[in-house]
Amino acid sequence: FTVALVTGTDLPYALAETVRSSAEQ
């Protein structure tokens, strides 16, 4: 659920891309 709220999807690739986008994530 946390992943889905952060990225708007529950795909693991999307969260990994979000984390790579900025160290602040």
PDBML (XML) file of the C-alpha atoms, coordinates in Angstrom:
<?xml version="1.0" encoding="UTF-8" ?>
<PDBx:datablock datablockName="MODEL"
   xmlns:PDBx="http://pdbml.pdb.org/schema/pdbx-v50.xsd"
   xmlns:xsi="http://www.w3.org/2001/XMLSchema-instance"
   xsi:schemaLocation="http://pdbml.pdb.org/schema/pdbx-v50.xsd pdbx-v50.xsd">
   <PDBx:atom_siteCategory>
      <PDBx:atom_site id="1">
         <PDBx:B_iso_or_equiv>0.00</PDBx:B_iso_or_equiv>
         <PDBx:Cartn_x>0.000</PDBx:Cartn_x>
         <PDBx:Cartn_y>0.000</PDBx:Cartn_y>
         <PDBx:Cartn_z>0.000</PDBx:Cartn_z>
         <PDBx:auth_asym_id>A</PDBx:auth_asym_id>
         <PDBx:auth_atom_id>CA</PDBx:auth_atom_id>
         <PDBx:auth_comp_id>PHE</PDBx:auth_comp_id>
         <PDBx:auth_seq_id>1</PDBx:auth_seq_id>
         <PDBx:group_PDB>ATOM</PDBx:group_PDB>
         <PDBx:label_alt_id xsi:nil="true" />
         <PDBx:label_asym_id>A</PDBx:label_asym_id>
         <PDBx:label_atom_id>CA</PDBx:label_atom_id>
         <PDBx:label_comp_id>PHE</PDBx:label_comp_id>
         <PDBx:label_entity_id>1</PDBx:label_entity_id>
         <PDBx:label_seq_id>1</PDBx:label_seq_id>
         <PDBx:occupancy>1.00</PDBx:occupancy>
         <PDBx:pdbx_PDB_model_num>1</PDBx:pdbx_PDB_model_num>
         <PDBx:type_symbol>C</PDBx:type_symbol>
      </PDBx:atom_site>
      <PDBx:atom_site id="2">
         <PDBx:B_iso_or_equiv>0.00</PDBx:B_iso_or_equiv>
         <PDBx:Cartn_x>2.855</PDBx:Cartn_x>
         <PDBx:Cartn_y>2.367</PDBx:Cartn_y>
         <PDBx:Cartn_z>0.782</PDBx:Cartn_z>
         <PDBx:auth_asym_id>A</PDBx:auth_asym_id>
         <PDBx:auth_atom_id>CA</PDBx:auth_atom_id>
         <PDBx:auth_comp_id>THR</PDBx:auth_comp_id>
         <PDBx:auth_seq_id>2</PDBx:auth_seq_id>
         <PDBx:group_PDB>ATOM</PDBx:group_PDB>
         <PDBx:label_alt_id xsi:nil="true" />
         <PDBx:label_asym_id>A</PDBx:label_asym_id>
         <PDBx:label_atom_id>CA</PDBx:label_atom_id>
         <PDBx:label_comp_id>THR</PDBx:label_comp_id>
         <PDBx:label_entity_id>1</PDBx:label_entity_id>
         <PDBx:label_seq_id>2</PDBx:label_seq_id>
         <PDBx:occupancy>1.00</PDBx:occupancy>
         <PDBx:pdbx_PDB_model_num>1</PDBx:pdbx_PDB_model_num>
         <PDBx:type_symbol>C</PDBx:type_symbol>
      </PDBx:atom_site>
      <PDBx:atom_site id="3">
         <PDBx:B_iso_or_equiv>0.00</PDBx:B_iso_or_equiv>
         <PDBx:Cartn_x>4.433</PDBx:Cartn_x>
         <PDBx:Cartn_y>1.588</PDBx:Cartn_y>
         <PDBx:Cartn_z>-2.587</PDBx:Cartn_z>
         <PDBx:auth_asym_id>A</PDBx:auth_asym_id>
         <PDBx:auth_atom_id>CA</PDBx:auth_atom_id>
         <PDBx:auth_comp_id>VAL</PDBx:auth_comp_id>
         <PDBx:auth_seq_id>3</PDBx:auth_seq_id>
         <PDBx:group_PDB>ATOM</PDBx:group_PDB>
         <PDBx:label_alt_id xsi:nil="true" />
         <PDBx:label_asym_id>A</PDBx:label_asym_id>
         <PDBx:label_atom_id>CA</PDBx:label_atom_id>
         <PDBx:label_comp_id>VAL</PDBx:label_comp_id>
         <PDBx:label_entity_id>1</PDBx:label_entity_id>
         <PDBx:label_seq_id>3</PDBx:label_seq_id>
         <PDBx:occupancy>1.00</PDBx:occupancy>
         <PDBx:pdbx_PDB_model_num>1</PDBx:pdbx_PDB_model_num>
         <PDBx:type_symbol>C</PDBx:type_symbol>
      </PDBx:atom_site>
      <PDBx:atom_site id="4">
         <PDBx:B_iso_or_equiv>0.00</PDBx:B_iso_or_equiv>
         <PDBx:Cartn_x>1.118</PDBx:Cartn_x>
         <PDBx:Cartn_y>2.254</PDBx:Cartn_y>
         <PDBx:Cartn_z>-4.330</PDBx:Cartn_z>
         <PDBx:auth_asym_id>A</PDBx:auth_asym_id>
         <PDBx:auth_atom_id>CA</PDBx:auth_atom_id>
         <PDBx:auth_comp_id>ALA</PDBx:auth_comp_id>
         <PDBx:auth_seq_id>4</PDBx:auth_seq_id>
         <PDBx:group_PDB>ATOM</PDBx:group_PDB>
         <PDBx:label_alt_id xsi:nil="true" />
         <PDBx:label_asym_id>A</PDBx:label_asym_id>
         <PDBx:label_atom_id>CA</PDBx:label_atom_id>
         <PDBx:label_comp_id>ALA</PDBx:label_comp_id>
         <PDBx:label_entity_id>1</PDBx:label_entity_id>
         <PDBx:label_seq_id>4</PDBx:label_seq_id>
         <PDBx:occupancy>1.00</PDBx:occupancy>
         <PDBx:pdbx_PDB_model_num>1</PDBx:pdbx_PDB_model_num>
         <PDBx:type_symbol>C</PDBx:type_symbol>
      </PDBx:atom_site>
      <PDBx:atom_site id="5">
         <PDBx:B_iso_or_equiv>0.00</PDBx:B_iso_or_equiv>
         <PDBx:Cartn_x>0.656</PDBx:Cartn_x>
         <PDBx:Cartn_y>5.592</PDBx:Cartn_y>
         <PDBx:Cartn_z>-2.533</PDBx:Cartn_z>
         <PDBx:auth_asym_id>A</PDBx:auth_asym_id>
         <PDBx:auth_atom_id>CA</PDBx:auth_atom_id>
         <PDBx:auth_comp_id>LEU</PDBx:auth_comp_id>
         <PDBx:auth_seq_id>5</PDBx:auth_seq_id>
         <PDBx:group_PDB>ATOM</PDBx:group_PDB>
         <PDBx:label_alt_id xsi:nil="true" />
         <PDBx:label_asym_id>A</PDBx:label_asym_id>
         <PDBx:label_atom_id>CA</PDBx:label_atom_id>
         <PDBx:label_comp_id>LEU</PDBx:label_comp_id>
         <PDBx:label_entity_id>1</PDBx:label_entity_id>
         <PDBx:label_seq_id>5</PDBx:label_seq_id>
         <PDBx:occupancy>1.00</PDBx:occupancy>
         <PDBx:pdbx_PDB_model_num>1</PDBx:pdbx_PDB_model_num>
         <PDBx:type_symbol>C</PDBx:type_symbol>
      </PDBx:atom_site>
      <PDBx:atom_site id="6">
         <PDBx:B_iso_or_equiv>0.00</PDBx:B_iso_or_equiv>
         <PDBx:Cartn_x>4.200</PDBx:Cartn_x>
         <PDBx:Cartn_y>6.735</PDBx:Cartn_y>
         <PDBx:Cartn_z>-3.354</PDBx:Cartn_z>
         <PDBx:auth_asym_id>A</PDBx:auth_asym_id>
         <PDBx:auth_atom_id>CA</PDBx:auth_atom_id>
         <PDBx:auth_comp_id>VAL</PDBx:auth_comp_id>
         <PDBx:auth_seq_id>6</PDBx:auth_seq_id>
         <PDBx:group_PDB>ATOM</PDBx:group_PDB>
         <PDBx:label_alt_id xsi:nil="true" />
         <PDBx:label_asym_id>A</PDBx:label_asym_id>
         <PDBx:label_atom_id>CA</PDBx:label_atom_id>
         <PDBx:label_comp_id>VAL</PDBx:label_comp_id>
         <PDBx:label_entity_id>1</PDBx:label_entity_id>
         <PDBx:label_seq_id>6</PDBx:label_seq_id>
         <PDBx:occupancy>1.00</PDBx:occupancy>
         <PDBx:pdbx_PDB_model_num>1</PDBx:pdbx_PDB_model_num>
         <PDBx:type_symbol>C</PDBx:type_symbol>
      </PDBx:atom_site>
      <PDBx:atom_site id="7">
         <PDBx:B_iso_or_equiv>0.00</PDBx:B_iso_or_equiv>
         <PDBx:Cartn_x>4.261</PDBx:Cartn_x>
         <PDBx:Cartn_y>5.799</PDBx:Cartn_y>
         <PDBx:Cartn_z>-7.025</PDBx:Cartn_z>
         <PDBx:auth_asym_id>A</PDBx:auth_asym_id>
         <PDBx:auth_atom_id>CA</PDBx:auth_atom_id>
         <PDBx:auth_comp_id>THR</PDBx:auth_comp_id>
         <PDBx:auth_seq_id>7</PDBx:auth_seq_id>
         <PDBx:group_PDB>ATOM</PDBx:group_PDB>
         <PDBx:label_alt_id xsi:nil="true" />
         <PDBx:label_asym_id>A</PDBx:label_asym_id>
         <PDBx:label_atom_id>CA</PDBx:label_atom_id>
         <PDBx:label_comp_id>THR</PDBx:label_comp_id>
         <PDBx:label_entity_id>1</PDBx:label_entity_id>
         <PDBx:label_seq_id>7</PDBx:label_seq_id>
         <PDBx:occupancy>1.00</PDBx:occupancy>
         <PDBx:pdbx_PDB_model_num>1</PDBx:pdbx_PDB_model_num>
         <PDBx:type_symbol>C</PDBx:type_symbol>
      </PDBx:atom_site>
      <PDBx:atom_site id="8">
         <PDBx:B_iso_or_equiv>0.00</PDBx:B_iso_or_equiv>
         <PDBx:Cartn_x>0.603</PDBx:Cartn_x>
         <PDBx:Cartn_y>5.596</PDBx:Cartn_y>
         <PDBx:Cartn_z>-8.018</PDBx:Cartn_z>
         <PDBx:auth_asym_id>A</PDBx:auth_asym_id>
         <PDBx:auth_atom_id>CA</PDBx:auth_atom_id>
         <PDBx:auth_comp_id>GLY</PDBx:auth_comp_id>
         <PDBx:auth_seq_id>8</PDBx:auth_seq_id>
         <PDBx:group_PDB>ATOM</PDBx:group_PDB>
         <PDBx:label_alt_id xsi:nil="true" />
         <PDBx:label_asym_id>A</PDBx:label_asym_id>
         <PDBx:label_atom_id>CA</PDBx:label_atom_id>
         <PDBx:label_comp_id>GLY</PDBx:label_comp_id>
         <PDBx:label_entity_id>1</PDBx:label_entity_id>
         <PDBx:label_seq_id>8</PDBx:label_seq_id>
         <PDBx:occupancy>1.00</PDBx:occupancy>
         <PDBx:pdbx_PDB_model_num>1</PDBx:pdbx_PDB_model_num>
         <PDBx:type_symbol>C</PDBx:type_symbol>
      </PDBx:atom_site>
      <PDBx:atom_site id="9">
         <PDBx:B_iso_or_equiv>0.00</PDBx:B_iso_or_equiv>
         <PDBx:Cartn_x>1.127</PDBx:Cartn_x>
         <PDBx:Cartn_y>1.950</PDBx:Cartn_y>
         <PDBx:Cartn_z>-8.961</PDBx:Cartn_z>
         <PDBx:auth_asym_id>A</PDBx:auth_asym_id>
         <PDBx:auth_atom_id>CA</PDBx:auth_atom_id>
         <PDBx:auth_comp_id>THR</PDBx:auth_comp_id>
         <PDBx:auth_seq_id>9</PDBx:auth_seq_id>
         <PDBx:group_PDB>ATOM</PDBx:group_PDB>
         <PDBx:label_alt_id xsi:nil="true" />
         <PDBx:label_asym_id>A</PDBx:label_asym_id>
         <PDBx:label_atom_id>CA</PDBx:label_atom_id>
         <PDBx:label_comp_id>THR</PDBx:label_comp_id>
         <PDBx:label_entity_id>1</PDBx:label_entity_id>
         <PDBx:label_seq_id>9</PDBx:label_seq_id>
         <PDBx:occupancy>1.00</PDBx:occupancy>
         <PDBx:pdbx_PDB_model_num>1</PDBx:pdbx_PDB_model_num>
         <PDBx:type_symbol>C</PDBx:type_symbol>
      </PDBx:atom_site>
      <PDBx:atom_site id="10">
         <PDBx:B_iso_or_equiv>0.00</PDBx:B_iso_or_equiv>
         <PDBx:Cartn_x>2.185</PDBx:Cartn_x>
         <PDBx:Cartn_y>-1.252</PDBx:Cartn_y>
         <PDBx:Cartn_z>-7.230</PDBx:Cartn_z>
         <PDBx:auth_asym_id>A</PDBx:auth_asym_id>
         <PDBx:auth_atom_id>CA</PDBx:auth_atom_id>
         <PDBx:auth_comp_id>ASP</PDBx:auth_comp_id>
         <PDBx:auth_seq_id>10</PDBx:auth_seq_id>
         <PDBx:group_PDB>ATOM</PDBx:group_PDB>
         <PDBx:label_alt_id xsi:nil="true" />
         <PDBx:label_asym_id>A</PDBx:label_asym_id>
         <PDBx:label_atom_id>CA</PDBx:label_atom_id>
         <PDBx:label_comp_id>ASP</PDBx:label_comp_id>
         <PDBx:label_entity_id>1</PDBx:label_entity_id>
         <PDBx:label_seq_id>10</PDBx:label_seq_id>
         <PDBx:occupancy>1.00</PDBx:occupancy>
         <PDBx:pdbx_PDB_model_num>1</PDBx:pdbx_PDB_model_num>
         <PDBx:type_symbol>C</PDBx:type_symbol>
      </PDBx:atom_site>
      <PDBx:atom_site id="11">
         <PDBx:B_iso_or_equiv>0.00</PDBx:B_iso_or_equiv>
         <PDBx:Cartn_x>4.701</PDBx:Cartn_x>
         <PDBx:Cartn_y>-2.254</PDBx:Cartn_y>
         <PDBx:Cartn_z>-9.866</PDBx:Cartn_z>
         <PDBx:auth_asym_id>A</PDBx:auth_asym_id>
         <PDBx:auth_atom_id>CA</PDBx:auth_atom_id>
         <PDBx:auth_comp_id>LEU</PDBx:auth_comp_id>
         <PDBx:auth_seq_id>11</PDBx:auth_seq_id>
         <PDBx:group_PDB>ATOM</PDBx:group_PDB>
         <PDBx:label_alt_id xsi:nil="true" />
         <PDBx:label_asym_id>A</PDBx:label_asym_id>
         <PDBx:label_atom_id>CA</PDBx:label_atom_id>
         <PDBx:label_comp_id>LEU</PDBx:label_comp_id>
         <PDBx:label_entity_id>1</PDBx:label_entity_id>
         <PDBx:label_seq_id>11</PDBx:label_seq_id>
         <PDBx:occupancy>1.00</PDBx:occupancy>
         <PDBx:pdbx_PDB_model_num>1</PDBx:pdbx_PDB_model_num>
         <PDBx:type_symbol>C</PDBx:type_symbol>
      </PDBx:atom_site>
      <PDBx:atom_site id="12">
         <PDBx:B_iso_or_equiv>0.00</PDBx:B_iso_or_equiv>
         <PDBx:Cartn_x>8.135</PDBx:Cartn_x>
         <PDBx:Cartn_y>-2.785</PDBx:Cartn_y>
         <PDBx:Cartn_z>-8.254</PDBx:Cartn_z>
         <PDBx:auth_asym_id>A</PDBx:auth_asym_id>
         <PDBx:auth_atom_id>CA</PDBx:auth_atom_id>
         <PDBx:auth_comp_id>PRO</PDBx:auth_comp_id>
         <PDBx:auth_seq_id>12</PDBx:auth_seq_id>
         <PDBx:group_PDB>ATOM</PDBx:group_PDB>
         <PDBx:label_alt_id xsi:nil="true" />
         <PDBx:label_asym_id>A</PDBx:label_asym_id>
         <PDBx:label_atom_id>CA</PDBx:label_atom_id>
         <PDBx:label_comp_id>PRO</PDBx:label_comp_id>
         <PDBx:label_entity_id>1</PDBx:label_entity_id>
         <PDBx:label_seq_id>12</PDBx:label_seq_id>
         <PDBx:occupancy>1.00</PDBx:occupancy>
         <PDBx:pdbx_PDB_model_num>1</PDBx:pdbx_PDB_model_num>
         <PDBx:type_symbol>C</PDBx:type_symbol>
      </PDBx:atom_site>
      <PDBx:atom_site id="13">
         <PDBx:B_iso_or_equiv>0.00</PDBx:B_iso_or_equiv>
         <PDBx:Cartn_x>9.873</PDBx:Cartn_x>
         <PDBx:Cartn_y>-1.240</PDBx:Cartn_y>
         <PDBx:Cartn_z>-11.275</PDBx:Cartn_z>
         <PDBx:auth_asym_id>A</PDBx:auth_asym_id>
         <PDBx:auth_atom_id>CA</PDBx:auth_atom_id>
         <PDBx:auth_comp_id>TYR</PDBx:auth_comp_id>
         <PDBx:auth_seq_id>13</PDBx:auth_seq_id>
         <PDBx:group_PDB>ATOM</PDBx:group_PDB>
         <PDBx:label_alt_id xsi:nil="true" />
         <PDBx:label_asym_id>A</PDBx:label_asym_id>
         <PDBx:label_atom_id>CA</PDBx:label_atom_id>
         <PDBx:label_comp_id>TYR</PDBx:label_comp_id>
         <PDBx:label_entity_id>1</PDBx:label_entity_id>
         <PDBx:label_seq_id>13</PDBx:label_seq_id>
         <PDBx:occupancy>1.00</PDBx:occupancy>
         <PDBx:pdbx_PDB_model_num>1</PDBx:pdbx_PDB_model_num>
         <PDBx:type_symbol>C</PDBx:type_symbol>
      </PDBx:atom_site>
      <PDBx:atom_site id="14">
         <PDBx:B_iso_or_equiv>0.00</PDBx:B_iso_or_equiv>
         <PDBx:Cartn_x>7.995</PDBx:Cartn_x>
         <PDBx:Cartn_y>2.028</PDBx:Cartn_y>
         <PDBx:Cartn_z>-10.662</PDBx:Cartn_z>
         <PDBx:auth_asym_id>A</PDBx:auth_asym_id>
         <PDBx:auth_atom_id>CA</PDBx:auth_atom_id>
         <PDBx:auth_comp_id>ALA</PDBx:auth_comp_id>
         <PDBx:auth_seq_id>14</PDBx:auth_seq_id>
         <PDBx:group_PDB>ATOM</PDBx:group_PDB>
         <PDBx:label_alt_id xsi:nil="true" />
         <PDBx:label_asym_id>A</PDBx:label_asym_id>
         <PDBx:label_atom_id>CA</PDBx:label_atom_id>
         <PDBx:label_comp_id>ALA</PDBx:label_comp_id>
         <PDBx:label_entity_id>1</PDBx:label_entity_id>
         <PDBx:label_seq_id>14</PDBx:label_seq_id>
         <PDBx:occupancy>1.00</PDBx:occupancy>
         <PDBx:pdbx_PDB_model_num>1</PDBx:pdbx_PDB_model_num>
         <PDBx:type_symbol>C</PDBx:type_symbol>
      </PDBx:atom_site>
      <PDBx:atom_site id="15">
         <PDBx:B_iso_or_equiv>0.00</PDBx:B_iso_or_equiv>
         <PDBx:Cartn_x>9.130</PDBx:Cartn_x>
         <PDBx:Cartn_y>2.316</PDBx:Cartn_y>
         <PDBx:Cartn_z>-7.046</PDBx:Cartn_z>
         <PDBx:auth_asym_id>A</PDBx:auth_asym_id>
         <PDBx:auth_atom_id>CA</PDBx:auth_atom_id>
         <PDBx:auth_comp_id>LEU</PDBx:auth_comp_id>
         <PDBx:auth_seq_id>15</PDBx:auth_seq_id>
         <PDBx:group_PDB>ATOM</PDBx:group_PDB>
         <PDBx:label_alt_id xsi:nil="true" />
         <PDBx:label_asym_id>A</PDBx:label_asym_id>
         <PDBx:label_atom_id>CA</PDBx:label_atom_id>
         <PDBx:label_comp_id>LEU</PDBx:label_comp_id>
         <PDBx:label_entity_id>1</PDBx:label_entity_id>
         <PDBx:label_seq_id>15</PDBx:label_seq_id>
         <PDBx:occupancy>1.00</PDBx:occupancy>
         <PDBx:pdbx_PDB_model_num>1</PDBx:pdbx_PDB_model_num>
         <PDBx:type_symbol>C</PDBx:type_symbol>
      </PDBx:atom_site>
      <PDBx:atom_site id="16">
         <PDBx:B_iso_or_equiv>0.00</PDBx:B_iso_or_equiv>
         <PDBx:Cartn_x>12.719</PDBx:Cartn_x>
         <PDBx:Cartn_y>1.504</PDBx:Cartn_y>
         <PDBx:Cartn_z>-8.011</PDBx:Cartn_z>
         <PDBx:auth_asym_id>A</PDBx:auth_asym_id>
         <PDBx:auth_atom_id>CA</PDBx:auth_atom_id>
         <PDBx:auth_comp_id>ALA</PDBx:auth_comp_id>
         <PDBx:auth_seq_id>16</PDBx:auth_seq_id>
         <PDBx:group_PDB>ATOM</PDBx:group_PDB>
         <PDBx:label_alt_id xsi:nil="true" />
         <PDBx:label_asym_id>A</PDBx:label_asym_id>
         <PDBx:label_atom_id>CA</PDBx:label_atom_id>
         <PDBx:label_comp_id>ALA</PDBx:label_comp_id>
         <PDBx:label_entity_id>1</PDBx:label_entity_id>
         <PDBx:label_seq_id>16</PDBx:label_seq_id>
         <PDBx:occupancy>1.00</PDBx:occupancy>
         <PDBx:pdbx_PDB_model_num>1</PDBx:pdbx_PDB_model_num>
         <PDBx:type_symbol>C</PDBx:type_symbol>
      </PDBx:atom_site>
      <PDBx:atom_site id="17">
         <PDBx:B_iso_or_equiv>0.00</PDBx:B_iso_or_equiv>
         <PDBx:Cartn_x>12.578</PDBx:Cartn_x>
         <PDBx:Cartn_y>4.259</PDBx:Cartn_y>
         <PDBx:Cartn_z>-10.630</PDBx:Cartn_z>
         <PDBx:auth_asym_id>A</PDBx:auth_asym_id>
         <PDBx:auth_atom_id>CA</PDBx:auth_atom_id>
         <PDBx:auth_comp_id>GLU</PDBx:auth_comp_id>
         <PDBx:auth_seq_id>17</PDBx:auth_seq_id>
         <PDBx:group_PDB>ATOM</PDBx:group_PDB>
         <PDBx:label_alt_id xsi:nil="true" />
         <PDBx:label_asym_id>A</PDBx:label_asym_id>
         <PDBx:label_atom_id>CA</PDBx:label_atom_id>
         <PDBx:label_comp_id>GLU</PDBx:label_comp_id>
         <PDBx:label_entity_id>1</PDBx:label_entity_id>
         <PDBx:label_seq_id>17</PDBx:label_seq_id>
         <PDBx:occupancy>1.00</PDBx:occupancy>
         <PDBx:pdbx_PDB_model_num>1</PDBx:pdbx_PDB_model_num>
         <PDBx:type_symbol>C</PDBx:type_symbol>
      </PDBx:atom_site>
      <PDBx:atom_site id="18">
         <PDBx:B_iso_or_equiv>0.00</PDBx:B_iso_or_equiv>
         <PDBx:Cartn_x>11.167</PDBx:Cartn_x>
         <PDBx:Cartn_y>6.664</PDBx:Cartn_y>
         <PDBx:Cartn_z>-8.022</PDBx:Cartn_z>
         <PDBx:auth_asym_id>A</PDBx:auth_asym_id>
         <PDBx:auth_atom_id>CA</PDBx:auth_atom_id>
         <PDBx:auth_comp_id>THR</PDBx:auth_comp_id>
         <PDBx:auth_seq_id>18</PDBx:auth_seq_id>
         <PDBx:group_PDB>ATOM</PDBx:group_PDB>
         <PDBx:label_alt_id xsi:nil="true" />
         <PDBx:label_asym_id>A</PDBx:label_asym_id>
         <PDBx:label_atom_id>CA</PDBx:label_atom_id>
         <PDBx:label_comp_id>THR</PDBx:label_comp_id>
         <PDBx:label_entity_id>1</PDBx:label_entity_id>
         <PDBx:label_seq_id>18</PDBx:label_seq_id>
         <PDBx:occupancy>1.00</PDBx:occupancy>
         <PDBx:pdbx_PDB_model_num>1</PDBx:pdbx_PDB_model_num>
         <PDBx:type_symbol>C</PDBx:type_symbol>
      </PDBx:atom_site>
      <PDBx:atom_site id="19">
         <PDBx:B_iso_or_equiv>0.00</PDBx:B_iso_or_equiv>
         <PDBx:Cartn_x>14.024</PDBx:Cartn_x>
         <PDBx:Cartn_y>5.907</PDBx:Cartn_y>
         <PDBx:Cartn_z>-5.636</PDBx:Cartn_z>
         <PDBx:auth_asym_id>A</PDBx:auth_asym_id>
         <PDBx:auth_atom_id>CA</PDBx:auth_atom_id>
         <PDBx:auth_comp_id>VAL</PDBx:auth_comp_id>
         <PDBx:auth_seq_id>19</PDBx:auth_seq_id>
         <PDBx:group_PDB>ATOM</PDBx:group_PDB>
         <PDBx:label_alt_id xsi:nil="true" />
         <PDBx:label_asym_id>A</PDBx:label_asym_id>
         <PDBx:label_atom_id>CA</PDBx:label_atom_id>
         <PDBx:label_comp_id>VAL</PDBx:label_comp_id>
         <PDBx:label_entity_id>1</PDBx:label_entity_id>
         <PDBx:label_seq_id>19</PDBx:label_seq_id>
         <PDBx:occupancy>1.00</PDBx:occupancy>
         <PDBx:pdbx_PDB_model_num>1</PDBx:pdbx_PDB_model_num>
         <PDBx:type_symbol>C</PDBx:type_symbol>
      </PDBx:atom_site>
      <PDBx:atom_site id="20">
         <PDBx:B_iso_or_equiv>0.00</PDBx:B_iso_or_equiv>
         <PDBx:Cartn_x>16.617</PDBx:Cartn_x>
         <PDBx:Cartn_y>6.328</PDBx:Cartn_y>
         <PDBx:Cartn_z>-8.387</PDBx:Cartn_z>
         <PDBx:auth_asym_id>A</PDBx:auth_asym_id>
         <PDBx:auth_atom_id>CA</PDBx:auth_atom_id>
         <PDBx:auth_comp_id>ARG</PDBx:auth_comp_id>
         <PDBx:auth_seq_id>20</PDBx:auth_seq_id>
         <PDBx:group_PDB>ATOM</PDBx:group_PDB>
         <PDBx:label_alt_id xsi:nil="true" />
         <PDBx:label_asym_id>A</PDBx:label_asym_id>
         <PDBx:label_atom_id>CA</PDBx:label_atom_id>
         <PDBx:label_comp_id>ARG</PDBx:label_comp_id>
         <PDBx:label_entity_id>1</PDBx:label_entity_id>
         <PDBx:label_seq_id>20</PDBx:label_seq_id>
         <PDBx:occupancy>1.00</PDBx:occupancy>
         <PDBx:pdbx_PDB_model_num>1</PDBx:pdbx_PDB_model_num>
         <PDBx:type_symbol>C</PDBx:type_symbol>
      </PDBx:atom_site>
      <PDBx:atom_site id="21">
         <PDBx:B_iso_or_equiv>0.00</PDBx:B_iso_or_equiv>
         <PDBx:Cartn_x>15.132</PDBx:Cartn_x>
         <PDBx:Cartn_y>9.666</PDBx:Cartn_y>
         <PDBx:Cartn_z>-9.418</PDBx:Cartn_z>
         <PDBx:auth_asym_id>A</PDBx:auth_asym_id>
         <PDBx:auth_atom_id>CA</PDBx:auth_atom_id>
         <PDBx:auth_comp_id>SER</PDBx:auth_comp_id>
         <PDBx:auth_seq_id>21</PDBx:auth_seq_id>
         <PDBx:group_PDB>ATOM</PDBx:group_PDB>
         <PDBx:label_alt_id xsi:nil="true" />
         <PDBx:label_asym_id>A</PDBx:label_asym_id>
         <PDBx:label_atom_id>CA</PDBx:label_atom_id>
         <PDBx:label_comp_id>SER</PDBx:label_comp_id>
         <PDBx:label_entity_id>1</PDBx:label_entity_id>
         <PDBx:label_seq_id>21</PDBx:label_seq_id>
         <PDBx:occupancy>1.00</PDBx:occupancy>
         <PDBx:pdbx_PDB_model_num>1</PDBx:pdbx_PDB_model_num>
         <PDBx:type_symbol>C</PDBx:type_symbol>
      </PDBx:atom_site>
      <PDBx:atom_site id="22">
         <PDBx:B_iso_or_equiv>0.00</PDBx:B_iso_or_equiv>
         <PDBx:Cartn_x>16.341</PDBx:Cartn_x>
         <PDBx:Cartn_y>11.436</PDBx:Cartn_y>
         <PDBx:Cartn_z>-6.271</PDBx:Cartn_z>
         <PDBx:auth_asym_id>A</PDBx:auth_asym_id>
         <PDBx:auth_atom_id>CA</PDBx:auth_atom_id>
         <PDBx:auth_comp_id>SER</PDBx:auth_comp_id>
         <PDBx:auth_seq_id>22</PDBx:auth_seq_id>
         <PDBx:group_PDB>ATOM</PDBx:group_PDB>
         <PDBx:label_alt_id xsi:nil="true" />
         <PDBx:label_asym_id>A</PDBx:label_asym_id>
         <PDBx:label_atom_id>CA</PDBx:label_atom_id>
         <PDBx:label_comp_id>SER</PDBx:label_comp_id>
         <PDBx:label_entity_id>1</PDBx:label_entity_id>
         <PDBx:label_seq_id>22</PDBx:label_seq_id>
         <PDBx:occupancy>1.00</PDBx:occupancy>
         <PDBx:pdbx_PDB_model_num>1</PDBx:pdbx_PDB_model_num>
         <PDBx:type_symbol>C</PDBx:type_symbol>
      </PDBx:atom_site>
      <PDBx:atom_site id="23">
         <PDBx:B_iso_or_equiv>0.00</PDBx:B_iso_or_equiv>
         <PDBx:Cartn_x>18.307</PDBx:Cartn_x>
         <PDBx:Cartn_y>10.606</PDBx:Cartn_y>
         <PDBx:Cartn_z>-3.150</PDBx:Cartn_z>
         <PDBx:auth_asym_id>A</PDBx:auth_asym_id>
         <PDBx:auth_atom_id>CA</PDBx:auth_atom_id>
         <PDBx:auth_comp_id>ALA</PDBx:auth_comp_id>
         <PDBx:auth_seq_id>23</PDBx:auth_seq_id>
         <PDBx:group_PDB>ATOM</PDBx:group_PDB>
         <PDBx:label_alt_id xsi:nil="true" />
         <PDBx:label_asym_id>A</PDBx:label_asym_id>
         <PDBx:label_atom_id>CA</PDBx:label_atom_id>
         <PDBx:label_comp_id>ALA</PDBx:label_comp_id>
         <PDBx:label_entity_id>1</PDBx:label_entity_id>
         <PDBx:label_seq_id>23</PDBx:label_seq_id>
         <PDBx:occupancy>1.00</PDBx:occupancy>
         <PDBx:pdbx_PDB_model_num>1</PDBx:pdbx_PDB_model_num>
         <PDBx:type_symbol>C</PDBx:type_symbol>
      </PDBx:atom_site>
      <PDBx:atom_site id="24">
         <PDBx:B_iso_or_equiv>0.00</PDBx:B_iso_or_equiv>
         <PDBx:Cartn_x>15.646</PDBx:Cartn_x>
         <PDBx:Cartn_y>12.457</PDBx:Cartn_y>
         <PDBx:Cartn_z>-1.167</PDBx:Cartn_z>
         <PDBx:auth_asym_id>A</PDBx:auth_asym_id>
         <PDBx:auth_atom_id>CA</PDBx:auth_atom_id>
         <PDBx:auth_comp_id>GLU</PDBx:auth_comp_id>
         <PDBx:auth_seq_id>24</PDBx:auth_seq_id>
         <PDBx:group_PDB>ATOM</PDBx:group_PDB>
         <PDBx:label_alt_id xsi:nil="true" />
         <PDBx:label_asym_id>A</PDBx:label_asym_id>
         <PDBx:label_atom_id>CA</PDBx:label_atom_id>
         <PDBx:label_comp_id>GLU</PDBx:label_comp_id>
         <PDBx:label_entity_id>1</PDBx:label_entity_id>
         <PDBx:label_seq_id>24</PDBx:label_seq_id>
         <PDBx:occupancy>1.00</PDBx:occupancy>
         <PDBx:pdbx_PDB_model_num>1</PDBx:pdbx_PDB_model_num>
         <PDBx:type_symbol>C</PDBx:type_symbol>
      </PDBx:atom_site>
      <PDBx:atom_site id="25">
         <PDBx:B_iso_or_equiv>0.00</PDBx:B_iso_or_equiv>
         <PDBx:Cartn_x>13.208</PDBx:Cartn_x>
         <PDBx:Cartn_y>9.648</PDBx:Cartn_y>
         <PDBx:Cartn_z>-1.908</PDBx:Cartn_z>
         <PDBx:auth_asym_id>A</PDBx:auth_asym_id>
         <PDBx:auth_atom_id>CA</PDBx:auth_atom_id>
         <PDBx:auth_comp_id>GLN</PDBx:auth_comp_id>
         <PDBx:auth_seq_id>25</PDBx:auth_seq_id>
         <PDBx:group_PDB>ATOM</PDBx:group_PDB>
         <PDBx:label_alt_id xsi:nil="true" />
         <PDBx:label_asym_id>A</PDBx:label_asym_id>
         <PDBx:label_atom_id>CA</PDBx:label_atom_id>
         <PDBx:label_comp_id>GLN</PDBx:label_comp_id>
         <PDBx:label_entity_id>1</PDBx:label_entity_id>
         <PDBx:label_seq_id>25</PDBx:label_seq_id>
         <PDBx:occupancy>1.00</PDBx:occupancy>
         <PDBx:pdbx_PDB_model_num>1</PDBx:pdbx_PDB_model_num>
         <PDBx:type_symbol>C</PDBx:type_symbol>
      </PDBx:atom_site>
   </PDBx:atom_siteCategory>
</PDBx:datablock>
